[in-house]
C-alpha atoms as a PDB file:
ATOM      1  CA  MET A   1      52.600  26.910 -25.397  1.00  0.00           C
ATOM      2  CA  SER A   2      53.778  30.424 -24.611  1.00  0.00           C
ATOM      3  CA  GLY A   3      56.763  31.130 -22.368  1.00  0.00           C
ATOM      4  CA  ALA A   4      54.998  33.896 -20.497  1.00  0.00           C
ATOM      5  CA  ASP A   5      54.264  33.024 -16.864  1.00  0.00           C
ATOM      6  CA  ASP A   6      50.845  34.730 -16.957  1.00  0.00           C
ATOM      7  CA  ASP A   7      49.787  32.883 -20.120  1.00  0.00           C
ATOM      8  CA  ASP A   8      46.345  31.319 -19.494  1.00  0.00           C
ATOM      9  CA  THR A   9      47.095  28.604 -22.043  1.00  0.00           C
ATOM     10  CA  TRP A  10      49.863  27.186 -19.931  1.00  0.00           C
ATOM     11  CA  VAL A  11      49.007  23.819 -18.296  1.00  0.00           C
ATOM     12  CA  ALA A  12      50.492  22.898 -14.966  1.00  0.00           C
ATOM     13  CA  PRO A  13      52.902  19.858 -14.969  1.00  0.00           C
ATOM     14  CA  ASP A  14      50.600  17.781 -12.809  1.00  0.00           C
ATOM     15  CA  VAL A  15      47.833  17.796 -15.429  1.00  0.00           C
ATOM     16  CA  ALA A  16      49.988  18.312 -18.558  1.00  0.00           C
ATOM     17  CA  PRO A  17      50.324  15.676 -21.346  1.00  0.00           C
ATOM     18  CA  ALA A  18      53.659  14.820 -19.752  1.00  0.00           C
ATOM     19  CA  ALA A  19      51.932  12.210 -17.625  1.00  0.00           C
ATOM     20  CA  ASP A  20      54.948   9.954 -17.952  1.00  0.00           C
ATOM     21  CA  LEU A  21      56.881  12.144 -15.437  1.00  0.00           C
ATOM     22  CA  PRO A  22      57.111  11.036 -11.798  1.00  0.00           C
ATOM     23  CA  VAL A  23      55.016  12.802  -9.175  1.00  0.00           C
ATOM     24  CA  HIS A  24      58.041  14.344  -7.527  1.00  0.00           C
ATOM     25  CA  ALA A  25      59.232  15.687 -10.894  1.00  0.00           C
ATOM     26  CA  ARG A  26      55.925  17.381 -11.515  1.00  0.00           C
ATOM     27  CA  GLU A  27      55.877  18.850  -7.984  1.00  0.00           C
ATOM     28  CA  ARG A  28      59.452  20.189  -8.353  1.00  0.00           C
ATOM     29  CA  LEU A  29      58.729  21.781 -11.781  1.00  0.00           C
ATOM     30  CA  THR A  30      55.494  23.390 -10.472  1.00  0.00           C
ATOM     31  CA  GLU A  31      57.303  24.915  -7.527  1.00  0.00           C
ATOM     32  CA  MET A  32      60.225  26.186  -9.687  1.00  0.00           C
ATOM     33  CA  ARG A  33      57.789  27.811 -12.114  1.00  0.00           C
ATOM     34  CA  LYS A  34      55.842  29.418  -9.296  1.00  0.00           C
ATOM     35  CA  LYS A  35      58.851  30.714  -7.387  1.00  0.00           C
ATOM     36  CA  LYS A  36      60.922  31.537 -10.556  1.00  0.00           C
ATOM     37  CA  PHE A  37      63.704  29.595  -8.940  1.00  0.00           C
ATOM     38  CA  PHE A  38      66.219  27.937 -11.292  1.00  0.00           C
ATOM     39  CA  THR A  39      68.844  25.211 -11.068  1.00  0.00           C
ATOM     40  CA  SER A  40      71.569  24.731 -13.663  1.00  0.00           C
ATOM     41  CA  ASP A  41      74.587  22.511 -14.344  1.00  0.00           C
ATOM     42  CA  LEU A  42      76.167  25.340 -16.374  1.00  0.00           C
ATOM     43  CA  SER A  43      79.520  26.591 -15.206  1.00  0.00           C
ATOM     44  CA  VAL A  44      79.708  30.253 -14.132  1.00  0.00           C
ATOM     45  CA  ASN A  45      81.263  31.213 -17.542  1.00  0.00           C
ATOM     46  CA  GLU A  46      78.638  29.261 -19.426  1.00  0.00           C
ATOM     47  CA  PHE A  47      75.893  30.790 -17.354  1.00  0.00           C
ATOM     48  CA  LEU A  48      77.022  34.332 -18.131  1.00  0.00           C
ATOM     49  CA  LEU A  49      77.358  33.598 -21.851  1.00  0.00           C
ATOM     50  CA  VAL A  50      73.921  32.091 -22.125  1.00  0.00           C
ATOM     51  CA  LYS A  51      72.538  35.167 -20.334  1.00  0.00           C
ATOM     52  CA  GLU A  52      74.504  37.454 -22.743  1.00  0.00           C
ATOM     53  CA  CYS A  53      72.778  35.747 -25.646  1.00  0.00           C
ATOM     54  CA  GLY A  54      69.434  36.919 -24.277  1.00  0.00           C
ATOM     55  CA  PHE A  55      68.391  33.609 -22.583  1.00  0.00           C
ATOM     56  CA  GLU A  56      67.538  33.025 -18.904  1.00  0.00           C
ATOM     57  CA  PRO A  57      67.958  29.580 -17.356  1.00  0.00           C
ATOM     58  CA  LEU A  58      64.700  28.078 -16.047  1.00  0.00           C
ATOM     59  CA  GLY A  59      65.964  24.842 -14.398  1.00  0.00           C
ATOM     60  CA  LEU A  60      67.843  21.604 -14.614  1.00  0.00           C
ATOM     61  CA  VAL A  61      65.790  19.091 -16.685  1.00  0.00           C
ATOM     62  CA  MET A  62      66.373  15.375 -17.023  1.00  0.00           C
ATOM     63  CA  GLY A  63      64.953  12.143 -18.333  1.00  0.00           C
ATOM     64  CA  SER A  64      65.868   8.544 -17.961  1.00  0.00           C
ATOM     65  CA  SER A  65      65.027   5.086 -19.208  1.00  0.00           C
ATOM     66  CA  ILE A  66      66.178   1.798 -17.702  1.00  0.00           C
ATOM     67  CA  TYR A  67      66.108  -0.692 -20.493  1.00  0.00           C
ATOM     68  CA  GLN A  68      66.774  -4.427 -20.680  1.00  0.00           C
ATOM     69  CA  ILE A  69      68.121  -5.358 -24.151  1.00  0.00           C
ATOM     70  CA  LYS A  70      67.860  -8.944 -25.254  1.00  0.00           C
ATOM     71  CA  PRO A  71      69.430 -10.105 -28.588  1.00  0.00           C
ATOM     72  CA  ARG A  72      67.319 -12.474 -30.687  1.00  0.00           C
ATOM     73  CA  LEU A  73      68.588 -15.923 -31.465  1.00  0.00           C
ATOM     74  CA  ARG A  74      67.054 -15.704 -34.926  1.00  0.00           C
ATOM     75  CA  GLU A  75      69.221 -12.709 -35.851  1.00  0.00           C
ATOM     76  CA  LEU A  76      72.415 -14.464 -34.608  1.00  0.00           C
ATOM     77  CA  SER A  77      71.856 -17.760 -36.316  1.00  0.00           C
ATOM     78  CA  GLY A  78      74.539 -18.257 -38.959  1.00  0.00           C
ATOM     79  CA  THR A  79      75.548 -14.574 -38.676  1.00  0.00           C
ATOM     80  CA  ARG A  80      79.204 -13.725 -38.609  1.00  0.00           C
ATOM     81  CA  LEU A  81      79.065 -10.042 -39.547  1.00  0.00           C
ATOM     82  CA  GLY A  82      76.047  -7.797 -39.774  1.00  0.00           C
ATOM     83  CA  GLU A  83      73.659  -5.312 -38.250  1.00  0.00           C
ATOM     84  CA  LEU A  84      71.238  -6.589 -35.537  1.00  0.00           C
ATOM     85  CA  GLU A  85      68.253  -4.348 -36.368  1.00  0.00           C
ATOM     86  CA  SER A  86      66.262  -5.245 -33.269  1.00  0.00           C
ATOM     87  CA  MET A  87      69.223  -4.164 -30.997  1.00  0.00           C
ATOM     88  CA  THR A  88      69.713  -0.991 -32.973  1.00  0.00           C
ATOM     89  CA  GLN A  89      66.065  -0.092 -32.588  1.00  0.00           C
ATOM     90  CA  ALA A  90      66.009  -0.980 -28.833  1.00  0.00           C
ATOM     91  CA  LEU A  91      69.067   1.179 -28.032  1.00  0.00           C
ATOM     92  CA  TYR A  92      67.706   4.052 -30.114  1.00  0.00           C
ATOM     93  CA  HIS A  93      64.302   3.759 -28.428  1.00  0.00           C
ATOM     94  CA  ALA A  94      65.909   3.742 -24.933  1.00  0.00           C
ATOM     95  CA  ARG A  95      67.732   7.008 -25.679  1.00  0.00           C
ATOM     96  CA  GLU A  96      64.694   8.541 -27.320  1.00  0.00           C
ATOM     97  CA  LEU A  97      62.594   7.863 -24.171  1.00  0.00           C
ATOM     98  CA  ALA A  98      65.132   9.627 -21.993  1.00  0.00           C
ATOM     99  CA  MET A  99      65.362  12.594 -24.386  1.00  0.00           C
ATOM    100  CA  THR A 100      61.550  12.862 -24.655  1.00  0.00           C
ATOM    101  CA  ARG A 101      61.185  12.942 -20.860  1.00  0.00           C
ATOM    102  CA  MET A 102      63.820  15.637 -20.587  1.00  0.00           C
ATOM    103  CA  GLU A 103      61.854  17.582 -23.220  1.00  0.00           C
ATOM    104  CA  GLU A 104      58.622  17.080 -21.234  1.00  0.00           C
ATOM    105  CA  GLU A 105      60.218  18.689 -18.223  1.00  0.00           C
ATOM    106  CA  ALA A 106      61.369  21.664 -20.339  1.00  0.00           C
ATOM    107  CA  GLU A 107      57.827  21.979 -21.673  1.00  0.00           C
ATOM    108  CA  ALA A 108      56.484  22.081 -18.133  1.00  0.00           C
ATOM    109  CA  LEU A 109      58.805  25.057 -17.398  1.00  0.00           C
ATOM    110  CA  GLY A 110      57.740  26.925 -20.588  1.00  0.00           C
ATOM    111  CA  ALA A 111      61.200  26.709 -22.055  1.00  0.00           C
ATOM    112  CA  ASP A 112      62.231  27.535 -25.560  1.00  0.00           C
ATOM    113  CA  GLY A 113      65.099  25.093 -25.519  1.00  0.00           C
ATOM    114  CA  ILE A 114      67.621  22.963 -23.633  1.00  0.00           C
ATOM    115  CA  VAL A 115      71.375  23.711 -23.692  1.00  0.00           C
ATOM    116  CA  ALA A 116      74.404  21.694 -22.631  1.00  0.00           C
ATOM    117  CA  VAL A 117      72.587  18.357 -23.086  1.00  0.00           C
ATOM    118  CA  ARG A 118      74.529  15.342 -22.216  1.00  0.00           C
ATOM    119  CA  LEU A 119      73.383  11.760 -22.794  1.00  0.00           C
ATOM    120  CA  ASP A 120      74.961   9.050 -20.613  1.00  0.00           C
ATOM    121  CA  VAL A 121      74.669   5.288 -20.409  1.00  0.00           C
ATOM    122  CA  ASN A 122      75.110   3.669 -16.946  1.00  0.00           C
ATOM    123  CA  LEU A 123      75.338  -0.102 -16.591  1.00  0.00           C
ATOM    124  CA  HIS A 124      73.588  -1.457 -13.509  1.00  0.00           C
ATOM    125  CA  ALA A 125      74.006  -4.761 -11.657  1.00  0.00           C
ATOM    126  CA  TRP A 126      70.204  -5.472 -11.790  1.00  0.00           C
ATOM    127  CA  GLY A 127      70.469  -8.114 -14.489  1.00  0.00           C
ATOM    128  CA  ASN A 128      72.135  -9.058 -17.753  1.00  0.00           C
ATOM    129  CA  ASN A 129      72.181  -6.287 -20.337  1.00  0.00           C
ATOM    130  CA  VAL A 130      70.331  -3.779 -18.194  1.00  0.00           C
ATOM    131  CA  ALA A 131      71.365  -0.137 -18.686  1.00  0.00           C
ATOM    132  CA  GLU A 132      70.084   3.286 -17.679  1.00  0.00           C
ATOM    133  CA  PHE A 133      69.998   5.987 -20.316  1.00  0.00           C
ATOM    134  CA  LEU A 134      70.158   9.431 -18.794  1.00  0.00           C
ATOM    135  CA  ALA A 135      69.639  12.761 -20.488  1.00  0.00           C
ATOM    136  CA  VAL A 136      70.413  15.986 -18.545  1.00  0.00           C
ATOM    137  CA  GLY A 137      70.498  19.678 -19.586  1.00  0.00           C
ATOM    138  CA  THR A 138      69.488  23.193 -18.608  1.00  0.00           C
ATOM    139  CA  ALA A 139      66.138  24.566 -19.890  1.00  0.00           C
ATOM    140  CA  VAL A 140      66.292  28.166 -21.111  1.00  0.00           C
ATOM    141  CA  ARG A 141      63.869  30.773 -22.415  1.00  0.00           C
ATOM    142  CA  HIS A 142      64.603  33.772 -24.637  1.00  0.00           C
ATOM    143  CA  LYS A 143      63.930  37.038 -22.722  1.00  0.00           C
ATOM    144  CA  GLY A 144      62.941  38.876 -25.918  1.00  0.00           C
ATOM    145  CA  GLY A 145      60.278  36.417 -26.834  1.00  0.00           C
ATOM    146  CA  LYS A 146      61.881  35.538 -30.182  1.00  0.00           C
ATOM    147  CA  PRO A 147      60.743  32.189 -31.702  1.00  0.00           C
ATOM    148  CA  PHE A 148      63.430  29.610 -30.882  1.00  0.00           C
ATOM    149  CA  ARG A 149      61.349  26.454 -30.901  1.00  0.00           C
ATOM    150  CA  ASN A 150      61.775  23.941 -33.698  1.00  0.00           C
ATOM    151  CA  LYS A 151      59.365  23.302 -36.572  1.00  0.00           C
ATOM    152  CA  LYS A 152      57.483  20.816 -34.388  1.00  0.00           C
ATOM    153  CA  GLY A 153      56.743  23.498 -31.851  1.00  0.00           C
ATOM    154  CA  ARG A 154      58.924  21.800 -29.282  1.00  0.00           C
ATOM    155  CA  PRO A 155      61.840  23.157 -27.268  1.00  0.00           C
ATOM    156  CA  PHE A 156      65.084  22.820 -29.139  1.00  0.00           C
ATOM    157  CA  GLN A 157      67.841  20.566 -27.684  1.00  0.00           C
ATOM    158  CA  SER A 158      71.526  21.218 -28.016  1.00  0.00           C
ATOM    159  CA  ASP A 159      74.598  19.415 -26.666  1.00  0.00           C
ATOM    160  CA  LEU A 160      76.734  22.541 -27.253  1.00  0.00           C
ATOM    161  CA  SER A 161      78.426  24.085 -24.228  1.00  0.00           C
ATOM    162  CA  GLY A 162      77.495  27.593 -23.137  1.00  0.00           C
ATOM    163  CA  GLN A 163      80.515  29.003 -24.936  1.00  0.00           C
ATOM    164  CA  ASP A 164      79.719  27.156 -28.208  1.00  0.00           C
ATOM    165  CA  PHE A 165      76.034  28.125 -27.900  1.00  0.00           C
ATOM    166  CA  TRP A 166      76.995  31.777 -27.674  1.00  0.00           C
ATOM    167  CA  THR A 167      79.378  31.460 -30.622  1.00  0.00           C
ATOM    168  CA  LEU A 168      76.735  29.698 -32.690  1.00  0.00           C
ATOM    169  CA  LEU A 169      74.202  32.492 -32.170  1.00  0.00           C
ATOM    170  CA  LYS A 170      76.763  35.161 -32.843  1.00  0.00           C
ATOM    171  CA  SER A 171      77.601  33.374 -36.110  1.00  0.00           C
ATOM    172  CA  GLY A 172      74.036  33.707 -37.292  1.00  0.00           C
ATOM    173  CA  TYR A 173      72.752  30.206 -36.616  1.00  0.00           C
ATOM    174  CA  ARG A 174      70.373  28.765 -34.016  1.00  0.00           C
ATOM    175  CA  PRO A 175      69.904  25.131 -32.858  1.00  0.00           C
ATOM    176  CA  VAL A 176      66.743  23.237 -33.721  1.00  0.00           C
ATOM    177  CA  GLY A 177      67.429  19.877 -32.097  1.00  0.00           C
ATOM    178  CA  PHE A 178      69.706  17.245 -30.767  1.00  0.00           C
ATOM    179  CA  VAL A 179      69.968  14.563 -33.402  1.00  0.00           C
ATOM    180  CA  MET A 180      71.380  11.102 -33.293  1.00  0.00           C
ATOM    181  CA  GLY A 181      71.912   7.902 -35.215  1.00  0.00           C
ATOM    182  CA  ASN A 182      73.123   4.409 -34.218  1.00  0.00           C
ATOM    183  CA  CYS A 183      73.919   0.923 -35.583  1.00  0.00           C
ATOM    184  CA  VAL A 184      74.514  -2.293 -33.566  1.00  0.00           C
ATOM    185  CA  TYR A 185      76.843  -4.604 -35.371  1.00  0.00           C
ATOM    186  CA  TYR A 186      77.497  -8.260 -34.560  1.00  0.00           C
ATOM    187  CA  VAL A 187      80.913  -9.953 -34.937  1.00  0.00           C
ATOM    188  CA  GLY A 188      80.106 -13.619 -34.425  1.00  0.00           C
ATOM    189  CA  PRO A 189      81.978 -16.116 -32.213  1.00  0.00           C
ATOM    190  CA  SER A 190      83.893 -17.614 -35.123  1.00  0.00           C
ATOM    191  CA  THR A 191      85.662 -14.263 -35.550  1.00  0.00           C
ATOM    192  CA  VAL A 192      86.563 -13.558 -32.001  1.00  0.00           C
ATOM    193  CA  ARG A 193      90.002 -14.468 -30.729  1.00  0.00           C
ATOM    194  CA  GLY A 194      89.961 -16.992 -27.927  1.00  0.00           C
ATOM    195  CA  THR A 195      86.954 -19.085 -28.997  1.00  0.00           C
ATOM    196  CA  SER A 196      87.310 -22.691 -29.885  1.00  0.00           C
ATOM    197  CA  ASN A 197      88.467 -23.452 -33.399  1.00  0.00           C
ATOM    198  CA  PRO A 198      88.293 -19.841 -34.550  1.00  0.00           C
ATOM    199  CA  THR A 199      88.138 -19.450 -38.333  1.00  0.00           C
ATOM    200  CA  GLY A 200      87.726 -15.724 -38.710  1.00  0.00           C
ATOM    201  CA  LEU A 201      89.522 -12.599 -37.751  1.00  0.00           C
ATOM    202  CA  GLY A 202      90.836 -13.952 -34.499  1.00  0.00           C
ATOM    203  CA  ALA A 203      92.500 -16.896 -36.201  1.00  0.00           C
ATOM    204  CA  MET A 204      93.963 -14.708 -38.900  1.00  0.00           C
ATOM    205  CA  LEU A 205      95.488 -12.319 -36.319  1.00  0.00           C
ATOM    206  CA  ASN A 206      97.347 -15.265 -34.803  1.00  0.00           C
ATOM    207  CA  THR A 207      98.635 -16.569 -38.150  1.00  0.00           C
ATOM    208  CA  ALA A 208     101.956 -15.332 -39.422  1.00  0.00           C
ATOM    209  CA  GLN A 209     100.712 -15.672 -42.992  1.00  0.00           C
ATOM    210  CA  PHE A 210      98.285 -12.782 -42.348  1.00  0.00           C
ATOM    211  CA  ALA A 211     100.586 -10.556 -40.307  1.00  0.00           C
ATOM    212  CA  ASN A 212     100.679  -6.819 -41.195  1.00  0.00           C
ATOM    213  CA  SER A 213      97.765  -6.962 -43.684  1.00  0.00           C
ATOM    214  CA  GLU A 214      94.375  -5.320 -43.811  1.00  0.00           C
ATOM    215  CA  GLN A 215      91.425  -7.486 -43.222  1.00  0.00           C
ATOM    216  CA  VAL A 216      89.291  -5.902 -45.927  1.00  0.00           C
ATOM    217  CA  GLU A 217      86.077  -7.765 -45.156  1.00  0.00           C
ATOM    218  CA  TYR A 218      85.995  -6.487 -41.659  1.00  0.00           C
ATOM    219  CA  THR A 219      87.110  -2.982 -42.616  1.00  0.00           C
ATOM    220  CA  HIS A 220      84.320  -2.683 -45.103  1.00  0.00           C
ATOM    221  CA  ALA A 221      81.720  -4.149 -42.712  1.00  0.00           C
ATOM    222  CA  LEU A 222      82.476  -1.824 -39.863  1.00  0.00           C
ATOM    223  CA  TYR A 223      82.791   1.105 -42.278  1.00  0.00           C
ATOM    224  CA  ASP A 224      79.291   0.319 -43.471  1.00  0.00           C
ATOM    225  CA  ALA A 225      78.024   0.216 -39.853  1.00  0.00           C
ATOM    226  CA  ARG A 226      79.334   3.753 -39.217  1.00  0.00           C
ATOM    227  CA  GLU A 227      77.774   4.944 -42.499  1.00  0.00           C
ATOM    228  CA  LEU A 228      74.370   3.650 -41.439  1.00  0.00           C
ATOM    229  CA  ALA A 229      74.666   5.538 -38.146  1.00  0.00           C
ATOM    230  CA  VAL A 230      75.588   8.760 -40.024  1.00  0.00           C
ATOM    231  CA  GLU A 231      72.737   8.412 -42.472  1.00  0.00           C
ATOM    232  CA  ARG A 232      70.257   8.058 -39.622  1.00  0.00           C
ATOM    233  CA  LEU A 233      71.777  11.196 -38.031  1.00  0.00           C
ATOM    234  CA  GLN A 234      71.214  13.148 -41.140  1.00  0.00           C
ATOM    235  CA  ASP A 235      67.682  11.880 -41.565  1.00  0.00           C
ATOM    236  CA  GLU A 236      66.778  13.258 -38.126  1.00  0.00           C
ATOM    237  CA  ALA A 237      68.224  16.641 -39.043  1.00  0.00           C
ATOM    238  CA  GLU A 238      66.339  16.762 -42.324  1.00  0.00           C
ATOM    239  CA  GLU A 239      63.050  16.054 -40.487  1.00  0.00           C
ATOM    240  CA  LEU A 240      63.718  19.289 -38.527  1.00  0.00           C
ATOM    241  CA  GLU A 241      64.464  21.067 -41.873  1.00  0.00           C
ATOM    242  CA  ALA A 242      68.004  21.815 -40.601  1.00  0.00           C
ATOM    243  CA  THR A 243      70.680  23.065 -42.974  1.00  0.00           C
ATOM    244  CA  GLY A 244      73.500  21.296 -41.091  1.00  0.00           C
ATOM    245  CA  ILE A 245      74.785  19.613 -37.937  1.00  0.00           C
ATOM    246  CA  VAL A 246      77.552  21.003 -35.755  1.00  0.00           C
ATOM    247  CA  GLY A 247      79.551  19.427 -32.918  1.00  0.00           C
ATOM    248  CA  VAL A 248      79.197  15.915 -34.320  1.00  0.00           C
ATOM    249  CA  THR A 249      80.574  13.245 -32.017  1.00  0.00           C
ATOM    250  CA  PHE A 250      81.208   9.639 -32.865  1.00  0.00           C
ATOM    251  CA  ALA A 251      81.282   6.972 -30.155  1.00  0.00           C
ATOM    252  CA  GLU A 252      81.908   3.225 -30.331  1.00  0.00           C
ATOM    253  CA  LYS A 253      80.311   1.326 -27.448  1.00  0.00           C
ATOM    254  CA  GLN A 254      80.497  -2.363 -26.572  1.00  0.00           C
ATOM    255  CA  HIS A 255      78.187  -2.363 -23.585  1.00  0.00           C
ATOM    256  CA  SER A 256      79.994  -5.384 -21.994  1.00  0.00           C
ATOM    257  CA  TRP A 257      78.270  -7.838 -24.283  1.00  0.00           C
ATOM    258  CA  ARG A 258      81.108 -10.235 -24.958  1.00  0.00           C
ATOM    259  CA  ASN A 259      79.243 -13.053 -23.268  1.00  0.00           C
ATOM    260  CA  TRP A 260      75.451 -12.703 -22.983  1.00  0.00           C
ATOM    261  CA  LEU A 261      72.106 -14.485 -23.269  1.00  0.00           C
ATOM    262  CA  ALA A 262      70.070 -14.253 -26.502  1.00  0.00           C
ATOM    263  CA  TYR A 263      66.275 -14.875 -26.430  1.00  0.00           C
ATOM    264  CA  GLN A 264      63.689 -16.062 -28.918  1.00  0.00           C
ATOM    265  CA  ASP A 265      60.193 -17.455 -28.335  1.00  0.00           C
ATOM    266  CA  GLY A 266      60.965 -18.316 -24.756  1.00  0.00           C
ATOM    267  CA  ASN A 267      64.246 -19.978 -25.527  1.00  0.00           C
ATOM    268  CA  GLN A 268      67.595 -18.681 -24.499  1.00  0.00           C
ATOM    269  CA  ALA A 269      71.212 -19.552 -25.238  1.00  0.00           C
ATOM    270  CA  LEU A 270      74.630 -18.288 -24.195  1.00  0.00           C
ATOM    271  CA  ARG A 271      76.415 -16.498 -27.017  1.00  0.00           C
ATOM    272  CA  SER A 272      79.889 -15.064 -27.277  1.00  0.00           C
ATOM    273  CA  GLY A 273      81.183 -12.559 -29.706  1.00  0.00           C
ATOM    274  CA  GLU A 274      81.279  -8.783 -30.063  1.00  0.00           C
ATOM    275  CA  LEU A 275      78.166  -6.562 -30.195  1.00  0.00           C
ATOM    276  CA  ILE A 276      79.520  -3.112 -31.141  1.00  0.00           C
ATOM    277  CA  GLU A 277      77.293  -0.057 -31.366  1.00  0.00           C
ATOM    278  CA  PHE A 278      78.306   2.886 -33.378  1.00  0.00           C
ATOM    279  CA  PHE A 279      76.574   5.999 -31.978  1.00  0.00           C
ATOM    280  CA  VAL A 280      76.770   9.466 -33.547  1.00  0.00           C
ATOM    281  CA  PHE A 281      75.145  12.662 -32.344  1.00  0.00           C
ATOM    282  CA  GLY A 282      75.232  16.387 -32.773  1.00  0.00           C
ATOM    283  CA  THR A 283      73.184  19.662 -32.889  1.00  0.00           C
ATOM    284  CA  ALA A 284      71.076  20.405 -35.913  1.00  0.00           C
ATOM    285  CA  VAL A 285      71.109  24.113 -36.853  1.00  0.00           C
ATOM    286  CA  VAL A 286      69.433  26.601 -39.219  1.00  0.00           C
ATOM    287  CA  PRO A 287      70.489  30.179 -40.233  1.00  0.00           C
ATOM    288  CA  MET A 288      68.830  33.188 -38.605  1.00  0.00           C
ATOM    289  CA  GLU A 289      68.059  36.596 -40.032  1.00  0.00           C
ATOM    290  CA  ARG A 290      70.891  38.941 -39.099  1.00  0.00           C
ATOM    291  CA  THR A 291      71.139  42.702 -38.805  1.00  0.00           C
ATOM    292  CA  GLU A 292      74.780  42.831 -37.686  1.00  0.00           C
ATOM    293  CA  ALA A 293      78.007  41.434 -39.100  1.00  0.00           C
ATOM    294  CA  ILE A 294      79.492  38.203 -37.846  1.00  0.00           C
ATOM    295  CA  PRO A 295      82.379  38.980 -35.389  1.00  0.00           C
ATOM    296  CA  VAL A 296      85.834  38.105 -36.631  1.00  0.00           C
ATOM    297  CA  PRO A 297      87.313  35.185 -34.644  1.00  0.00           C
ATOM    298  CA  THR A 298      90.178  36.050 -32.321  1.00  0.00           C
ATOM    299  CA  LEU A 299      93.175  33.727 -32.057  1.00  0.00           C
ATOM    300  CA  VAL A 300      93.750  32.614 -28.486  1.00  0.00           C
ATOM    301  CA  ILE A 301      96.906  30.691 -27.592  1.00  0.00           C
ATOM    302  CA  PRO A 302      96.461  28.703 -24.301  1.00  0.00           C
ATOM    303  CA  VAL A 303      99.331  28.905 -21.809  1.00  0.00           C
ATOM    304  CA  ASN A 304      99.819  25.921 -19.504  1.00  0.00           C
ATOM    305  CA  SER A 305     100.967  26.855 -16.018  1.00  0.00           C
END
């Protein structure tokens, strides 16, 4: 798909493959493209820096997915520590749906990429373990027509701010995609303080014999969970043939799952314990051909008023 507005190959949003988009979203995108009217959540400074890089904002794009996540009884049976693969996959899929829908909106605008992407999780009161995954960013297009799409021919996605995006391009690199990895880890009820007859970590923390000592089993288990998330992050970047990832952020989320219902083959049971998700994300980048020297960084000392 070309970014040119008069390109005959462009397909309007209401008949584009992005059939997953709501009717009002398609109508909004069609009108924005027709009138060349843009919206953006960039600050004024970010807006100016993105323009200075040779990009023009096309519009605010978003995608969401409301997902109900149900742990399986089979995975919890006899488990005290370990990854819950079905939960990992469900949470990853929910985010991926939101990101894909945001990308579809950018495609409908003829964008080369999306900057200042943020991915939020909002818990709703519609039921147990129901969450909305929301992706928002500003679609942009390069005014010079340079190729900025990734190897899959899709608009790049980046969670870098306008300032960091400007600095990245000036440093001779360009973004190719927003990449992420996650791992949901279960700490069973026998290891949670406050349960009846605890025999695991909770009990040891209340025992003077184990005061001021590392619980090596748990350290290694949660370390392994983080490593799995990082490995998956790197796998995504390698699929885009990236040479590195910048702006990596690590988040630990519990999603209010201390007491929840687990399901299997029509059966359900109340479970307690900790379901911890380790979520890591960043912007995959590749080097660009440069004809000018990389600017020397300037030291700036902030002054608080």
